[in-house]
Each structure stands twice: as C-alpha cells, then as structure tokens.
Amino acid sequence: MSDEVPLDGEPADTHEAIMMATFSALRKHGYPGISIQRIADESELTKSTFYHHFDGKDDILLSFVQYMREYFERGYRIESTGDPVGDLRAFVTVSLGEYPAPDGTPNPEARLSTYLELRAQAIQNPAFRSEFTELSAALVRNLTDIIETGVGQGVFTVNDPAATAEYLVATIEGINLQQTTRTDGPRTMLQESLERYIRTEVLAEDVSF
C-alpha cells in the first residue's frame, strides 16, 4: 500500500485543500447535509474560491469522488513481491482497513465509511457510478494478477482467476458495508468466513494463509 495519505496534513495546493475540506464536511454532516458553505467552513478558503475552481456543489462532490477513487486505486494496489500468498494476505488486510493509521490521519474506517456513503449515491448518479466501476475493475485486475501468479507457482488452485478475484472483491466490499452500517460489528466473523473460503477454495493443499 502507498504511504501517501491524501486526507491529512498540509494540502499541496488549493484543489487538495478543497478535497480535504470536503472530506471533513462529509464526515461531520453526511452527504444529505453537505453544502459549499459547510465545505468552506472546514477550510481557510473563502466561498468565492470554491466557485472559482468549481461550478457548484455537485461539481465539487464529483471531483471528490474522483479523488477518493484515485486514492483507493493507488493506495490499495499491492505490488508483487514474488510471494502470491503473502500478496493475497496483504490485499485482504489493506482492503478491509486492517492496518494502523499514521498519527493525525483519518482512521481507515472513517475513509471506508465516506467511500461507502458516496458509493451509495451511485445508484442515482451515473457519473459516480462510472468512477466506482473503474475502481472495482482496477481492484479486480490487481487481485487477478496476484491469483494468476499463485496458480503459476502452484500455490493456488483456481480454474478462473478473474472470476475468483471478482468474487473476493465483492465479498470484501460486502464486509466493509456490513461493518460500517451495523452496530454489532460483524467484521471478525465475516473475515473468518472469507479466510476459510480462501483456505479451502483458493489455496493448494498444505499451503497456509
């Protein structure tokens, strides 16, 4: 995973400052309560600065979705280490937000919650849907590469790496949805079920996960 966390620290430019303010406003007010004024309140920028860079609230939110999509696509990509079992474990760990957040940065669940709240808007927003479709495709491609490497090394035994990757990504996204929208915290049980599937359906015999 990339070490770059784009939602903390000092913004590199005005665009990043607006994106960080949008994240803060979404965390505070939720998607239905968002407004340009509330975004501006989370920054040191004037409201007129926002209108200089964007046509309106919808334009800002689409830009933020693109920003988040680029973050997840870049930050969640697992580069090959030559150990596909370890790479698969890393993919699952990172995708489920099971990693420590640097001091002063939004915790992984905060980022996932915002991501899922925006993804829900894709039901009615074709532009959002296009961005999230692209993100899911990128995650599936990355995981497919990992699985194909494992099949080539004889440590994975799946007939269709792409279909397996699609299933695993969908399952991980489902776990994240359940964790962020329920009060009883089912992550541990669901993650154990996911790992059991990987051990029985993906890994070759005598390969541990």
Protein backbone atom coordinates (compact mmCIF):
# COMPACT_ATOMS: atom_id res chain seq x y z
CA MET A 1 0.00 0.00 0.00
CA SER A 2 1.15 3.52 -0.73
CA ASP A 3 2.39 5.54 2.25
CA GLU A 4 0.65 8.63 0.87
CA VAL A 5 -2.49 9.56 2.80
CA PRO A 6 -4.21 12.44 0.94
CA LEU A 7 -6.65 13.45 3.69
CA ASP A 8 -4.35 14.79 6.36
CA GLY A 9 -1.52 17.24 6.90
CA GLU A 10 -0.96 20.38 4.88
CA PRO A 11 -2.59 20.41 1.43
CA ALA A 12 -0.23 20.66 -1.52
CA ASP A 13 -2.46 23.11 -3.39
CA THR A 14 -5.90 24.71 -3.43
CA HIS A 15 -7.53 21.69 -5.05
CA GLU A 16 -6.23 19.37 -2.34
CA ALA A 17 -7.33 21.85 0.33
CA ILE A 18 -10.85 21.73 -1.10
CA MET A 19 -10.79 17.93 -1.21
CA MET A 20 -9.66 17.71 2.41
CA ALA A 21 -12.34 20.19 3.45
CA THR A 22 -14.94 18.15 1.55
CA PHE A 23 -13.88 15.02 3.42
CA SER A 24 -14.18 16.81 6.77
CA ALA A 25 -17.60 18.22 5.87
CA LEU A 26 -18.87 14.82 4.75
CA ARG A 27 -17.66 13.25 7.99
CA LYS A 28 -19.37 15.97 10.03
CA HIS A 29 -22.64 16.48 8.13
CA GLY A 30 -23.09 13.43 5.89
CA TYR A 31 -23.96 13.54 2.19
CA PRO A 32 -27.52 14.95 2.63
CA GLY A 33 -26.24 17.84 4.77
CA ILE A 34 -23.35 18.90 2.56
CA SER A 35 -23.18 22.41 1.12
CA ILE A 36 -20.47 24.64 -0.29
CA GLN A 37 -20.69 26.81 2.82
CA ARG A 38 -20.17 23.82 5.09
CA ILE A 39 -17.22 22.68 2.99
CA ALA A 40 -15.76 26.19 3.11
CA ASP A 41 -16.21 26.22 6.90
CA GLU A 42 -13.77 23.28 7.08
CA SER A 43 -11.03 25.23 5.30
CA GLU A 44 -9.28 28.57 5.40
CA LEU A 45 -10.54 29.36 1.89
CA THR A 46 -13.27 31.82 1.02
CA LYS A 47 -16.50 30.63 -0.51
CA SER A 48 -15.66 32.56 -3.68
CA THR A 49 -12.50 30.46 -4.06
CA PHE A 50 -14.65 27.34 -4.34
CA TYR A 51 -16.73 28.91 -7.11
CA HIS A 52 -13.54 29.96 -8.89
CA HIS A 53 -12.48 26.30 -9.15
CA PHE A 54 -15.87 24.55 -9.41
CA ASP A 55 -19.26 25.23 -10.95
CA GLY A 56 -21.10 24.24 -7.78
CA LYS A 57 -21.58 21.64 -5.06
CA ASP A 58 -22.22 18.76 -7.46
CA ASP A 59 -19.00 19.55 -9.33
CA ILE A 60 -17.04 19.54 -6.06
CA LEU A 61 -18.54 16.22 -4.99
CA LEU A 62 -17.77 14.57 -8.32
CA SER A 63 -14.20 15.82 -8.07
CA PHE A 64 -14.01 14.39 -4.55
CA VAL A 65 -15.32 11.01 -5.75
CA GLN A 66 -12.58 11.02 -8.40
CA TYR A 67 -10.06 11.99 -5.71
CA MET A 68 -11.17 9.12 -3.47
CA ARG A 69 -11.20 6.70 -6.40
CA GLU A 70 -7.60 7.62 -7.24
CA TYR A 71 -6.63 7.27 -3.58
CA PHE A 72 -8.12 3.80 -3.20
CA GLU A 73 -6.84 2.67 -6.59
CA ARG A 74 -3.31 3.86 -5.85
CA GLY A 75 -3.19 3.19 -2.14
CA TYR A 76 -4.78 -0.26 -2.18
CA ARG A 77 -2.75 -1.64 -5.06
CA ILE A 78 -0.48 -4.48 -3.92
CA GLU A 79 2.77 -4.64 -5.84
CA SER A 80 4.05 -8.16 -6.49
CA THR A 81 6.65 -9.42 -4.03
CA GLY A 82 7.04 -12.80 -5.71
CA ASP A 83 5.04 -14.35 -2.85
CA PRO A 84 1.42 -14.55 -4.07
CA VAL A 85 0.13 -15.96 -0.77
CA GLY A 86 1.62 -13.01 1.10
CA ASP A 87 0.36 -10.63 -1.58
CA LEU A 88 -3.17 -12.05 -1.26
CA ARG A 89 -3.00 -11.71 2.51
CA ALA A 90 -1.85 -8.09 2.11
CA PHE A 91 -4.67 -7.38 -0.36
CA VAL A 92 -7.28 -8.68 2.08
CA THR A 93 -5.74 -6.85 5.04
CA VAL A 94 -5.49 -3.50 3.27
CA SER A 95 -8.91 -3.75 1.59
CA LEU A 96 -10.57 -4.42 4.94
CA GLY A 97 -8.82 -1.46 6.53
CA GLU A 98 -6.91 -3.74 8.91
CA TYR A 99 -3.79 -1.60 9.13
CA PRO A 100 -2.64 1.13 11.54
CA ALA A 101 -3.28 4.74 10.54
CA PRO A 102 -0.39 7.20 10.96
CA ASP A 103 -0.83 9.66 13.83
CA GLY A 104 -3.13 12.52 12.95
CA THR A 105 -4.66 10.84 9.89
CA PRO A 106 -8.26 9.71 9.43
CA ASN A 107 -8.58 6.11 10.55
CA PRO A 108 -9.24 3.51 7.83
CA GLU A 109 -12.86 3.04 8.90
CA ALA A 110 -13.50 6.78 8.51
CA ARG A 111 -12.22 6.66 4.95
CA LEU A 112 -14.19 3.49 4.20
CA SER A 113 -17.36 5.00 5.68
CA THR A 114 -17.06 8.07 3.48
CA TYR A 115 -16.28 5.91 0.46
CA LEU A 116 -19.37 3.76 1.06
CA GLU A 117 -21.62 6.77 1.67
CA LEU A 118 -20.56 8.20 -1.68
CA ARG A 119 -20.83 4.84 -3.40
CA ALA A 120 -24.46 4.60 -2.31
CA GLN A 121 -25.13 7.77 -4.33
CA ALA A 122 -24.03 5.92 -7.48
CA ILE A 123 -27.47 4.31 -7.55
CA GLN A 124 -28.86 7.61 -8.87
CA ASN A 125 -25.69 9.31 -10.13
CA PRO A 126 -24.23 7.90 -13.39
CA ALA A 127 -21.01 9.93 -13.05
CA PHE A 128 -20.39 8.48 -9.59
CA ARG A 129 -21.23 5.00 -10.89
CA SER A 130 -18.62 5.34 -13.64
CA GLU A 131 -15.92 6.22 -11.10
CA PHE A 132 -16.76 3.34 -8.77
CA THR A 133 -16.98 0.91 -11.70
CA GLU A 134 -13.46 1.94 -12.69
CA LEU A 135 -12.22 1.48 -9.12
CA SER A 136 -13.72 -2.01 -8.78
CA ALA A 137 -12.24 -3.01 -12.13
CA ALA A 138 -8.79 -1.83 -11.01
CA LEU A 139 -9.01 -3.81 -7.76
CA VAL A 140 -10.13 -6.91 -9.63
CA ARG A 141 -7.27 -6.57 -12.12
CA ASN A 142 -4.74 -6.29 -9.29
CA LEU A 143 -6.15 -9.32 -7.48
CA THR A 144 -6.40 -11.31 -10.72
CA ASP A 145 -2.68 -10.72 -11.30
CA ILE A 146 -1.93 -12.00 -7.79
CA ILE A 147 -4.05 -15.11 -8.26
CA GLU A 148 -2.61 -15.86 -11.71
CA THR A 149 0.89 -15.67 -10.22
CA GLY A 150 -0.17 -18.07 -7.47
CA VAL A 151 -1.65 -20.51 -9.98
CA GLY A 152 1.58 -20.35 -11.98
CA GLN A 153 3.58 -21.16 -8.85
CA GLY A 154 1.24 -23.99 -7.89
CA VAL A 155 0.16 -22.43 -4.58
CA PHE A 156 -3.36 -21.53 -5.79
CA THR A 157 -5.75 -23.99 -7.41
CA VAL A 158 -8.50 -22.00 -9.13
CA ASN A 159 -9.73 -22.50 -12.68
CA ASP A 160 -10.79 -18.91 -13.34
CA PRO A 161 -8.58 -16.31 -11.61
CA ALA A 162 -10.66 -13.35 -12.87
CA ALA A 163 -13.94 -14.81 -11.59
CA THR A 164 -12.33 -15.64 -8.25
CA ALA A 165 -10.98 -12.09 -8.00
CA GLU A 166 -14.43 -10.65 -8.76
CA TYR A 167 -15.95 -12.81 -6.02
CA LEU A 168 -13.32 -11.89 -3.44
CA VAL A 169 -13.53 -8.15 -4.16
CA ALA A 170 -17.34 -8.28 -3.93
CA THR A 171 -17.10 -10.20 -0.65
CA ILE A 172 -14.61 -7.72 0.82
CA GLU A 173 -16.80 -4.79 -0.20
CA GLY A 174 -19.76 -6.54 1.42
CA ILE A 175 -17.83 -6.98 4.67
CA ASN A 176 -16.91 -3.30 4.66
CA LEU A 177 -20.55 -2.35 4.06
CA GLN A 178 -21.74 -4.53 6.94
CA GLN A 179 -19.07 -3.22 9.29
CA THR A 180 -19.81 0.45 8.61
CA THR A 181 -23.62 0.22 8.64
CA ARG A 182 -24.31 -2.11 11.59
CA THR A 183 -23.96 -1.67 15.35
CA ASP A 184 -22.88 -5.23 16.16
CA GLY A 185 -19.50 -5.21 14.39
CA PRO A 186 -19.62 -8.43 12.33
CA ARG A 187 -16.17 -7.95 10.77
CA THR A 188 -14.40 -10.70 12.74
CA MET A 189 -16.95 -13.39 11.91
CA LEU A 190 -17.20 -12.37 8.25
CA GLN A 191 -13.44 -12.10 7.86
CA GLU A 192 -13.02 -15.59 9.33
CA SER A 193 -15.52 -16.90 6.76
CA LEU A 194 -13.63 -15.14 3.96
CA GLU A 195 -10.31 -16.60 5.09
CA ARG A 196 -11.89 -20.07 5.38
CA TYR A 197 -13.05 -19.75 1.76
CA ILE A 198 -9.54 -18.76 0.69
CA ARG A 199 -8.01 -21.73 2.52
CA THR A 200 -10.47 -24.27 1.09
CA GLU A 201 -11.19 -22.89 -2.39
CA VAL A 202 -8.11 -20.89 -3.41
CA LEU A 203 -5.02 -22.30 -1.73
CA ALA A 204 -3.39 -25.53 -2.79
CA GLU A 205 -3.27 -28.34 -0.25
CA ASP A 206 -0.78 -27.81 2.59
CA VAL A 207 -0.41 -24.08 1.76
CA SER A 208 -1.16 -21.93 4.80
CA PHE A 209 -2.75 -18.48 4.90
